[in-house]
Amino acid sequence: MGTEFANKSIECTINNCKHHCCCDNYCSLERIKVGTHENDPTVIPCTDCQSFELKRDCCR
């Protein structure tokens, strides 16, 4: 499945992610993994999309 597929169940605004839909603010993956970098997450900034992959040739 390519980045042209917008999974309307997963909104995403991370344009430099390999899985970001090229035409809309959605992820192109069927599912994602959400995790944390904290021992005891209590607020949104403590969570991370662990499916993130940097888009090749992005941000150089």
Foldseek 3Di string as FASTA:
>chain_A
DALCAFDPVAFADPVQFRQHRPPHRGGRDPDWDKDAPDPDDDDDVRIDTPRGDGHPPPPD
